N, C-alpha and C. Protein backbone atom coordinates (compact mmCIF):
# COMPACT_ATOMS: atom_id res chain seq x y z
N MET A 1 0.83 -1.19 0.00
CA MET A 1 0.00 0.00 0.00
C MET A 1 0.88 1.26 0.00
N LYS A 2 1.95 1.23 0.81
CA LYS A 2 2.84 2.37 0.86
C LYS A 2 3.49 2.61 -0.50
N ASN A 3 3.86 1.54 -1.17
CA ASN A 3 4.47 1.67 -2.49
C ASN A 3 3.48 2.25 -3.50
N PHE A 4 2.23 1.86 -3.35
CA PHE A 4 1.20 2.35 -4.27
C PHE A 4 1.00 3.87 -4.09
N ILE A 5 0.92 4.35 -2.87
CA ILE A 5 0.75 5.78 -2.59
C ILE A 5 1.99 6.55 -3.05
N PHE A 6 3.19 5.99 -2.78
CA PHE A 6 4.42 6.64 -3.20
C PHE A 6 4.49 6.74 -4.72
N GLY A 7 4.04 5.73 -5.41
CA GLY A 7 4.03 5.74 -6.87
C GLY A 7 3.08 6.79 -7.42
N ILE A 8 1.91 6.93 -6.82
CA ILE A 8 0.93 7.92 -7.27
C ILE A 8 1.48 9.34 -7.04
N VAL A 9 2.10 9.57 -5.90
CA VAL A 9 2.66 10.89 -5.60
C VAL A 9 3.77 11.21 -6.60
N CYS A 10 4.64 10.26 -6.89
CA CYS A 10 5.73 10.50 -7.84
C CYS A 10 5.18 10.79 -9.23
N LEU A 11 4.18 10.05 -9.67
CA LEU A 11 3.58 10.28 -10.99
C LEU A 11 2.90 11.64 -11.06
N SER A 12 2.20 12.01 -10.01
CA SER A 12 1.50 13.30 -10.05
C SER A 12 2.51 14.46 -10.05
N VAL A 13 3.57 14.34 -9.27
CA VAL A 13 4.58 15.40 -9.25
C VAL A 13 5.26 15.50 -10.60
N THR A 14 5.61 14.38 -11.19
CA THR A 14 6.25 14.38 -12.49
C THR A 14 5.30 14.92 -13.56
N GLY A 15 4.07 14.55 -13.48
CA GLY A 15 3.09 15.02 -14.47
C GLY A 15 2.85 16.51 -14.37
N LEU A 16 2.79 17.02 -13.17
CA LEU A 16 2.56 18.46 -13.00
C LEU A 16 3.78 19.27 -13.42
N SER A 17 4.96 18.79 -13.10
CA SER A 17 6.16 19.56 -13.42
C SER A 17 6.46 19.54 -14.91
N CYS A 18 6.12 18.50 -15.60
CA CYS A 18 6.40 18.42 -17.03
C CYS A 18 5.31 19.07 -17.88
N SER A 19 4.15 19.28 -17.32
CA SER A 19 3.05 19.80 -18.12
C SER A 19 3.08 21.32 -18.23
N LYS A 20 3.89 21.98 -17.42
CA LYS A 20 3.93 23.44 -17.46
C LYS A 20 4.63 23.91 -18.72
N LYS A 21 4.10 24.97 -19.32
CA LYS A 21 4.71 25.58 -20.49
C LYS A 21 5.73 26.62 -20.02
N PRO A 22 6.81 26.78 -20.74
CA PRO A 22 7.80 27.79 -20.33
C PRO A 22 7.22 29.19 -20.46
N ASP A 23 7.59 30.06 -19.53
CA ASP A 23 7.10 31.44 -19.52
C ASP A 23 7.95 32.27 -20.48
N THR A 24 7.36 32.72 -21.55
CA THR A 24 8.09 33.49 -22.56
C THR A 24 8.05 34.98 -22.28
N SER A 25 7.23 35.42 -21.34
CA SER A 25 7.13 36.85 -21.07
C SER A 25 8.42 37.39 -20.44
N ALA A 26 9.12 36.59 -19.65
CA ALA A 26 10.37 37.05 -19.04
C ALA A 26 11.43 37.27 -20.11
N VAL A 27 11.48 36.40 -21.10
CA VAL A 27 12.45 36.55 -22.18
C VAL A 27 12.11 37.78 -23.01
N ALA A 28 10.84 38.00 -23.26
CA ALA A 28 10.42 39.16 -24.05
C ALA A 28 10.72 40.46 -23.30
N ALA A 29 10.57 40.45 -21.97
CA ALA A 29 10.84 41.65 -21.19
C ALA A 29 12.32 42.01 -21.24
N VAL A 30 13.18 41.02 -21.26
CA VAL A 30 14.61 41.29 -21.34
C VAL A 30 14.96 41.89 -22.69
N ASP A 31 14.36 41.39 -23.75
CA ASP A 31 14.64 41.92 -25.08
C ASP A 31 14.14 43.35 -25.23
N GLU A 32 13.02 43.67 -24.64
CA GLU A 32 12.46 45.01 -24.75
C GLU A 32 13.23 46.02 -23.91
N SER A 33 13.90 45.55 -22.86
CA SER A 33 14.60 46.48 -21.99
C SER A 33 15.90 46.99 -22.59
N ARG A 34 16.38 46.38 -23.63
CA ARG A 34 17.60 46.83 -24.27
C ARG A 34 17.35 48.17 -24.96
N ALA A 35 18.22 49.09 -24.71
CA ALA A 35 18.07 50.42 -25.30
C ALA A 35 18.72 50.44 -26.67
N THR A 36 18.10 51.19 -27.55
CA THR A 36 18.68 51.36 -28.88
C THR A 36 19.40 52.70 -28.90
N TYR A 37 20.66 52.68 -29.27
CA TYR A 37 21.46 53.89 -29.31
C TYR A 37 21.73 54.27 -30.75
N ASP A 38 21.77 55.55 -31.01
CA ASP A 38 22.07 56.02 -32.35
C ASP A 38 23.54 56.37 -32.51
N THR A 39 24.33 56.08 -31.50
CA THR A 39 25.77 56.33 -31.57
C THR A 39 26.52 55.02 -31.44
N THR A 40 27.75 55.06 -31.84
CA THR A 40 28.58 53.87 -31.70
C THR A 40 29.66 54.13 -30.67
N ALA A 41 30.08 53.09 -30.02
CA ALA A 41 31.11 53.22 -28.99
C ALA A 41 32.46 53.45 -29.64
N ILE A 42 33.26 54.28 -29.02
CA ILE A 42 34.60 54.55 -29.52
C ILE A 42 35.58 54.01 -28.49
N ASP A 43 36.43 53.11 -28.90
CA ASP A 43 37.39 52.58 -27.95
C ASP A 43 38.58 53.52 -27.81
N SER A 44 39.44 53.23 -26.85
CA SER A 44 40.51 54.16 -26.54
C SER A 44 41.61 54.20 -27.59
N PHE A 45 41.62 53.28 -28.55
CA PHE A 45 42.66 53.26 -29.56
C PHE A 45 42.18 53.77 -30.91
N SER A 46 40.93 54.17 -31.00
CA SER A 46 40.42 54.62 -32.29
C SER A 46 40.81 56.08 -32.54
N ALA A 47 40.51 56.55 -33.74
CA ALA A 47 40.90 57.90 -34.14
C ALA A 47 40.12 58.97 -33.38
N GLY A 48 38.90 58.68 -32.94
CA GLY A 48 38.09 59.68 -32.26
C GLY A 48 38.27 59.73 -30.77
N ALA A 49 39.12 58.90 -30.22
CA ALA A 49 39.31 58.86 -28.77
C ALA A 49 40.17 60.03 -28.30
N THR A 50 39.92 60.48 -27.08
CA THR A 50 40.71 61.58 -26.52
C THR A 50 41.81 61.00 -25.64
N SER A 51 42.94 61.64 -25.64
CA SER A 51 44.07 61.13 -24.86
C SER A 51 43.89 61.49 -23.39
N VAL A 52 44.69 60.86 -22.57
CA VAL A 52 44.62 61.09 -21.13
C VAL A 52 45.00 62.52 -20.80
N ASP A 53 46.00 63.06 -21.50
CA ASP A 53 46.43 64.43 -21.24
C ASP A 53 45.33 65.44 -21.57
N VAL A 54 44.65 65.20 -22.67
CA VAL A 54 43.57 66.10 -23.07
C VAL A 54 42.44 66.05 -22.05
N MET A 55 42.10 64.85 -21.58
CA MET A 55 41.04 64.73 -20.58
C MET A 55 41.44 65.42 -19.28
N ARG A 56 42.71 65.33 -18.91
CA ARG A 56 43.18 65.99 -17.69
C ARG A 56 43.06 67.51 -17.85
N GLN A 57 43.42 68.03 -19.01
CA GLN A 57 43.30 69.47 -19.26
C GLN A 57 41.84 69.91 -19.22
N ILE A 58 40.97 69.07 -19.76
CA ILE A 58 39.54 69.41 -19.74
C ILE A 58 39.05 69.46 -18.31
N ARG A 59 39.44 68.48 -17.49
CA ARG A 59 39.01 68.46 -16.09
C ARG A 59 39.56 69.67 -15.33
N MET A 60 40.82 70.02 -15.60
CA MET A 60 41.42 71.16 -14.92
C MET A 60 40.74 72.46 -15.33
N SER A 61 40.45 72.61 -16.61
CA SER A 61 39.80 73.83 -17.07
C SER A 61 38.38 73.92 -16.53
N SER A 62 37.70 72.78 -16.43
CA SER A 62 36.35 72.83 -15.88
C SER A 62 36.41 73.17 -14.40
N GLN A 63 37.44 72.70 -13.69
CA GLN A 63 37.59 73.06 -12.28
C GLN A 63 37.88 74.55 -12.14
N ARG A 64 38.73 75.08 -13.02
CA ARG A 64 39.01 76.52 -13.00
C ARG A 64 37.74 77.31 -13.28
N TYR A 65 36.95 76.81 -14.21
CA TYR A 65 35.70 77.49 -14.54
C TYR A 65 34.77 77.49 -13.33
N GLN A 66 34.65 76.35 -12.66
CA GLN A 66 33.80 76.28 -11.48
C GLN A 66 34.30 77.23 -10.39
N ASP A 67 35.62 77.30 -10.23
CA ASP A 67 36.18 78.22 -9.23
C ASP A 67 35.90 79.67 -9.60
N SER A 68 36.01 80.00 -10.88
CA SER A 68 35.75 81.38 -11.29
C SER A 68 34.28 81.72 -11.13
N VAL A 69 33.40 80.76 -11.36
CA VAL A 69 31.97 81.01 -11.15
C VAL A 69 31.69 81.25 -9.68
N LYS A 70 32.30 80.45 -8.81
CA LYS A 70 32.11 80.65 -7.37
C LYS A 70 32.63 82.01 -6.93
N ALA A 71 33.78 82.40 -7.47
CA ALA A 71 34.35 83.70 -7.12
C ALA A 71 33.44 84.83 -7.59
N ALA A 72 32.87 84.69 -8.78
CA ALA A 72 31.97 85.72 -9.30
C ALA A 72 30.72 85.83 -8.43
N VAL A 73 30.21 84.70 -7.98
CA VAL A 73 29.02 84.71 -7.12
C VAL A 73 29.34 85.39 -5.79
N LYS A 74 30.50 85.09 -5.22
CA LYS A 74 30.90 85.74 -3.97
C LYS A 74 31.03 87.24 -4.14
N LEU A 75 31.62 87.66 -5.26
CA LEU A 75 31.79 89.08 -5.54
C LEU A 75 30.44 89.77 -5.66
N GLN A 76 29.50 89.13 -6.34
CA GLN A 76 28.16 89.71 -6.47
C GLN A 76 27.49 89.83 -5.11
N GLU A 77 27.66 88.81 -4.26
CA GLU A 77 27.06 88.87 -2.93
C GLU A 77 27.65 90.02 -2.11
N GLN A 78 28.97 90.21 -2.21
CA GLN A 78 29.61 91.30 -1.48
C GLN A 78 29.11 92.65 -1.99
N GLU A 79 29.00 92.80 -3.30
CA GLU A 79 28.49 94.05 -3.86
C GLU A 79 27.06 94.31 -3.41
N LYS A 80 26.28 93.26 -3.35
CA LYS A 80 24.89 93.40 -2.93
C LYS A 80 24.82 93.85 -1.48
N LYS A 81 25.66 93.25 -0.62
CA LYS A 81 25.68 93.65 0.78
C LYS A 81 26.09 95.11 0.93
N ILE A 82 27.09 95.53 0.16
CA ILE A 82 27.55 96.92 0.23
C ILE A 82 26.45 97.88 -0.19
N THR A 83 25.76 97.56 -1.28
CA THR A 83 24.68 98.44 -1.74
C THR A 83 23.55 98.49 -0.73
N GLU A 84 23.24 97.36 -0.09
CA GLU A 84 22.19 97.36 0.93
C GLU A 84 22.58 98.23 2.12
N GLU A 85 23.85 98.14 2.53
CA GLU A 85 24.31 98.97 3.64
C GLU A 85 24.24 100.45 3.28
N LEU A 86 24.64 100.79 2.07
CA LEU A 86 24.56 102.19 1.63
C LEU A 86 23.12 102.68 1.61
N GLU A 87 22.21 101.84 1.15
CA GLU A 87 20.80 102.23 1.12
C GLU A 87 20.28 102.47 2.54
N LYS A 88 20.67 101.60 3.48
CA LYS A 88 20.23 101.78 4.86
C LYS A 88 20.77 103.10 5.43
N GLU A 89 22.04 103.38 5.17
CA GLU A 89 22.63 104.63 5.66
C GLU A 89 21.94 105.83 5.04
N ASN A 90 21.65 105.77 3.76
CA ASN A 90 20.96 106.88 3.09
C ASN A 90 19.56 107.08 3.67
N LYS A 91 18.87 106.00 3.98
CA LYS A 91 17.54 106.12 4.57
C LYS A 91 17.62 106.77 5.95
N LYS A 92 18.61 106.35 6.73
CA LYS A 92 18.77 106.94 8.06
C LYS A 92 19.06 108.43 7.96
N LYS A 93 19.95 108.80 7.05
CA LYS A 93 20.27 110.22 6.86
C LYS A 93 19.05 111.00 6.42
N ALA A 94 18.26 110.43 5.53
CA ALA A 94 17.06 111.12 5.05
C ALA A 94 16.07 111.30 6.19
N GLU A 95 15.91 110.29 7.04
CA GLU A 95 14.99 110.41 8.17
C GLU A 95 15.48 111.48 9.15
N GLU A 96 16.78 111.51 9.39
CA GLU A 96 17.33 112.52 10.30
C GLU A 96 17.12 113.92 9.74
N GLU A 97 17.31 114.09 8.45
CA GLU A 97 17.10 115.40 7.83
C GLU A 97 15.64 115.81 7.91
N LYS A 98 14.74 114.85 7.74
CA LYS A 98 13.31 115.17 7.85
C LYS A 98 12.98 115.62 9.28
N LYS A 99 13.56 114.91 10.24
CA LYS A 99 13.30 115.29 11.63
C LYS A 99 13.84 116.69 11.92
N LYS A 100 15.04 116.96 11.43
CA LYS A 100 15.64 118.28 11.66
C LYS A 100 14.82 119.37 10.98
N SER A 101 14.39 119.10 9.76
CA SER A 101 13.61 120.11 9.05
C SER A 101 12.25 120.32 9.72
N SER A 102 11.65 119.24 10.22
CA SER A 102 10.36 119.41 10.90
C SER A 102 10.56 120.16 12.22
N GLU A 103 11.67 119.91 12.92
CA GLU A 103 11.95 120.65 14.15
C GLU A 103 12.22 122.13 13.85
N ASN A 104 12.93 122.38 12.78
CA ASN A 104 13.21 123.78 12.40
C ASN A 104 11.91 124.49 12.04
N ASN A 105 11.02 123.82 11.36
CA ASN A 105 9.73 124.43 11.01
C ASN A 105 8.92 124.74 12.26
N LYS A 106 8.95 123.85 13.23
CA LYS A 106 8.21 124.08 14.47
C LYS A 106 8.80 125.27 15.23
N ASP A 107 10.12 125.33 15.25
CA ASP A 107 10.78 126.46 15.94
C ASP A 107 10.42 127.78 15.27
N LYS A 108 10.39 127.82 13.97
CA LYS A 108 10.05 129.04 13.25
C LYS A 108 8.61 129.45 13.53
N GLU A 109 7.72 128.47 13.58
CA GLU A 109 6.31 128.77 13.85
C GLU A 109 6.15 129.33 15.26
N GLN A 110 6.89 128.76 16.20
CA GLN A 110 6.79 129.25 17.57
C GLN A 110 7.35 130.67 17.69
N LYS A 111 8.39 130.98 16.95
CA LYS A 111 8.95 132.33 16.99
C LYS A 111 8.00 133.33 16.35
N ASN A 112 7.30 132.90 15.32
CA ASN A 112 6.37 133.79 14.64
C ASN A 112 5.15 134.10 15.49
N GLN A 113 4.82 133.29 16.38
CA GLN A 113 3.62 133.51 17.18
C GLN A 113 3.93 134.43 18.27
């Protein structure tokens, strides 16, 4: 009896595992994920490749460019701070002059009375 049950289980497992169809969607997904490029790769020995020295110069010049941009931004910030300080000082002076002129007008009115 044990052999009979073991035989049925083995046949059913074999039958189920062999009856499955292979999944083709996974293969199709891999093929679709490949990107199509309109350029070709250039290896380091071809005519269009750049030398190590040229790449180093490009990196150095780009670093200099980044440094000059940072310096220009700092300079603009300093100029902006200076102009803001000048505007504040001018406003204070204008307010003081208004106060003085209003006090002078009051003094003149009091003298006239």
